[in-house]
C-alpha cells in the first residue's frame, strides 16, 4: 500500500509526462496482479487517516476496475471486496468521499446480487440521508432490482 500512495499522487499531477508514467505503472501492476492492486486500494479506502482525496481517487480507480473486471475475481474475493466497500461507505464521514463509495458499491451491486446488503444498509450507523442517497445511486445502476425490493426497505424509510 505504501508504494501505491505516491503513484496515486502522481496520477493527479498536471504534468502530463509524470501522469502518463504513473498511469502506465498502475496499469502494468493491475495487469500483473489485479487482486494485489485491488486489496491495496481497498486498504487506502478503509483508513480514515489517509487524505480524503487519495481515498476518493482509490474509489474511482476501483470502480473502473470492477466495471471492467469484476467477473474475473473469485466469488469469495468478490464477496469480501463488496463487504469492505460497504464498510468504507458506512464509516466514511467526508460527504464527497462517501458518494464515491456509494457509486463503487452500486457498481459492484450491478454485477452481483445486492439483496443481502439491504438489511445492513438500512440498519447501518449512517445517517438516514446517507442511506437514502445510497438507495438513489443504486437505483441509477440497478433500477429494476431496487424497485422490486422496495417492499423490503420501505418500513425503514
Protein backbone atom coordinates (compact mmCIF):
# COMPACT_ATOMS: atom_id res chain seq x y z
CA UNK A 1 0.00 0.00 0.00
CA UNK A 2 2.78 2.45 0.86
CA UNK A 3 4.13 2.33 -2.68
CA UNK A 4 0.67 2.98 -4.11
CA UNK A 5 0.19 6.35 -2.37
CA UNK A 6 2.92 8.14 -4.36
CA UNK A 7 1.51 6.54 -7.51
CA UNK A 8 -1.98 7.88 -6.71
CA UNK A 9 -0.50 11.31 -6.08
CA UNK A 10 1.33 11.14 -9.43
CA UNK A 11 -1.96 10.24 -11.17
CA UNK A 12 -3.34 13.61 -10.07
CA UNK A 13 -0.50 15.93 -11.12
CA UNK A 14 -0.80 18.35 -14.00
CA UNK A 15 2.50 17.33 -15.60
CA UNK A 16 1.43 15.05 -18.47
CA UNK A 17 4.68 13.08 -18.55
CA UNK A 18 4.53 12.28 -14.83
CA UNK A 19 0.84 11.39 -15.03
CA UNK A 20 1.33 9.14 -18.10
CA UNK A 21 4.20 7.32 -16.40
CA UNK A 22 2.01 6.80 -13.31
CA UNK A 23 -0.87 5.53 -15.48
CA UNK A 24 1.43 3.06 -17.22
CA UNK A 25 2.80 1.86 -13.89
CA UNK A 26 -0.69 1.47 -12.46
CA UNK A 27 -1.97 -0.46 -15.48
CA UNK A 28 1.06 -2.75 -15.62
CA UNK A 29 0.66 -3.54 -11.91
CA UNK A 30 -3.03 -4.16 -12.44
CA UNK A 31 -2.34 -6.48 -15.37
CA UNK A 32 0.31 -8.40 -13.41
CA UNK A 33 -1.71 -8.91 -10.23
CA UNK A 34 -5.16 -7.33 -10.11
CA UNK A 35 -6.09 -8.70 -6.68
CA UNK A 36 -2.99 -7.16 -5.07
CA UNK A 37 -3.84 -3.76 -6.60
CA UNK A 38 -7.48 -4.06 -5.52
CA UNK A 39 -6.50 -5.01 -1.97
CA UNK A 40 -4.03 -2.10 -1.79
CA UNK A 41 -6.66 0.36 -3.00
CA UNK A 42 -9.18 -1.03 -0.51
CA UNK A 43 -6.63 -0.64 2.28
CA UNK A 44 -6.29 3.03 1.36
CA UNK A 45 -10.07 3.46 1.22
CA UNK A 46 -10.71 1.96 4.63
CA UNK A 47 -8.16 4.06 6.54
CA UNK A 48 -9.74 7.33 7.68
CA UNK A 49 -6.34 8.89 8.47
CA UNK A 50 -5.35 8.85 4.78
CA UNK A 51 -6.05 12.02 2.79
CA UNK A 52 -9.69 12.05 1.61
CA UNK A 53 -8.53 12.91 -1.92
CA UNK A 54 -6.47 9.70 -2.04
CA UNK A 55 -9.38 7.67 -0.65
CA UNK A 56 -11.65 9.22 -3.25
CA UNK A 57 -9.18 8.51 -6.05
CA UNK A 58 -8.85 4.92 -4.86
CA UNK A 59 -12.63 4.50 -5.01
CA UNK A 60 -12.73 5.90 -8.54
CA UNK A 61 -9.98 3.53 -9.67
CA UNK A 62 -11.70 0.58 -8.01
CA UNK A 63 -14.96 1.41 -9.74
CA UNK A 64 -13.20 1.31 -13.11
CA UNK A 65 -11.51 -1.97 -12.25
CA UNK A 66 -14.78 -3.57 -11.18
CA UNK A 67 -16.67 -2.26 -14.17
CA UNK A 68 -14.15 -3.96 -16.46
CA UNK A 69 -13.00 -6.98 -14.44
CA UNK A 70 -15.26 -7.91 -11.53
CA UNK A 71 -16.24 -11.19 -13.15
CA UNK A 72 -12.57 -12.25 -13.24
CA UNK A 73 -12.34 -12.37 -9.45
CA UNK A 74 -13.29 -15.46 -7.46
CA UNK A 75 -16.71 -15.34 -5.84
CA UNK A 76 -15.18 -15.33 -2.36
CA UNK A 77 -12.95 -12.38 -3.29
CA UNK A 78 -15.89 -10.51 -4.79
CA UNK A 79 -17.93 -11.03 -1.63
CA UNK A 80 -15.04 -9.90 0.60
CA UNK A 81 -14.42 -6.85 -1.61
CA UNK A 82 -18.08 -5.90 -1.52
CA UNK A 83 -18.13 -6.19 2.28
CA UNK A 84 -15.04 -3.98 2.56
CA UNK A 85 -16.56 -1.37 0.25
CA UNK A 86 -19.72 -1.42 2.36
CA UNK A 87 -17.58 -0.82 5.47
CA UNK A 88 -15.85 2.07 3.70
CA UNK A 89 -19.21 3.63 2.79
CA UNK A 90 -20.62 3.07 6.27
CA UNK A 91 -17.69 4.59 8.18
CA UNK A 92 -16.90 7.47 5.81
CA UNK A 93 -17.59 10.93 7.23
CA UNK A 94 -16.49 13.08 4.27
CA UNK A 95 -19.56 13.54 2.02
CA UNK A 96 -17.80 13.61 -1.37
CA UNK A 97 -15.76 10.50 -0.48
CA UNK A 98 -18.86 8.71 0.79
CA UNK A 99 -20.51 9.49 -2.55
CA UNK A 100 -17.60 7.80 -4.36
CA UNK A 101 -18.00 4.74 -2.15
CA UNK A 102 -21.75 4.73 -2.86
CA UNK A 103 -21.06 4.67 -6.60
CA UNK A 104 -18.46 1.96 -6.08
CA UNK A 105 -20.92 -0.13 -4.07
CA UNK A 106 -23.58 0.41 -6.73
CA UNK A 107 -21.16 -0.66 -9.49
CA UNK A 108 -20.48 -3.90 -7.65
CA UNK A 109 -24.19 -4.40 -6.94
CA UNK A 110 -24.96 -4.00 -10.64
CA UNK A 111 -22.80 -7.05 -11.35
CA UNK A 112 -23.70 -9.18 -8.32
CA UNK A 113 -26.65 -9.66 -6.04
CA UNK A 114 -27.32 -6.78 -3.72
CA UNK A 115 -30.32 -8.13 -1.81
CA UNK A 116 -28.20 -9.45 1.06
CA UNK A 117 -26.75 -5.97 1.57
CA UNK A 118 -30.14 -4.30 2.01
CA UNK A 119 -30.63 -5.15 5.71
CA UNK A 120 -27.14 -3.89 6.57
CA UNK A 121 -27.61 -0.72 4.57
CA UNK A 122 -30.94 0.04 6.17
CA UNK A 123 -29.75 -0.59 9.71
CA UNK A 124 -26.32 0.97 9.24
CA UNK A 125 -24.91 3.58 11.53
CA UNK A 126 -25.00 6.02 8.64
CA UNK A 127 -27.38 8.91 8.66
CA UNK A 128 -30.82 8.43 7.08
CA UNK A 129 -29.78 10.93 4.41
CA UNK A 130 -26.77 8.77 3.51
CA UNK A 131 -28.93 5.67 3.27
CA UNK A 132 -31.42 7.45 1.02
CA UNK A 133 -28.57 8.78 -1.09
CA UNK A 134 -27.17 5.27 -1.50
CA UNK A 135 -30.60 3.92 -2.50
CA UNK A 136 -30.85 6.75 -5.03
CA UNK A 137 -27.46 5.85 -6.50
CA UNK A 138 -28.32 2.14 -6.52
CA UNK A 139 -31.50 2.97 -8.45
CA UNK A 140 -29.34 4.57 -11.16
CA UNK A 141 -27.35 1.36 -11.59
CA UNK A 142 -29.99 -1.30 -10.91
CA UNK A 143 -33.42 0.38 -11.16
CA UNK A 144 -35.44 -2.81 -11.60
CA UNK A 145 -33.88 -4.55 -8.62
CA UNK A 146 -34.35 -1.51 -6.38
CA UNK A 147 -37.99 -1.18 -7.45
CA UNK A 148 -38.63 -4.91 -6.91
CA UNK A 149 -37.08 -4.76 -3.44
CA UNK A 150 -38.89 -1.62 -2.34
CA UNK A 151 -41.24 -3.55 -0.07
CA UNK A 152 -38.29 -4.85 1.96
CA UNK A 153 -36.84 -1.44 2.75
CA UNK A 154 -39.98 0.71 2.75
CA UNK A 155 -40.61 0.17 6.52
CA UNK A 156 -37.19 1.68 7.25
CA UNK A 157 -37.91 4.89 5.37
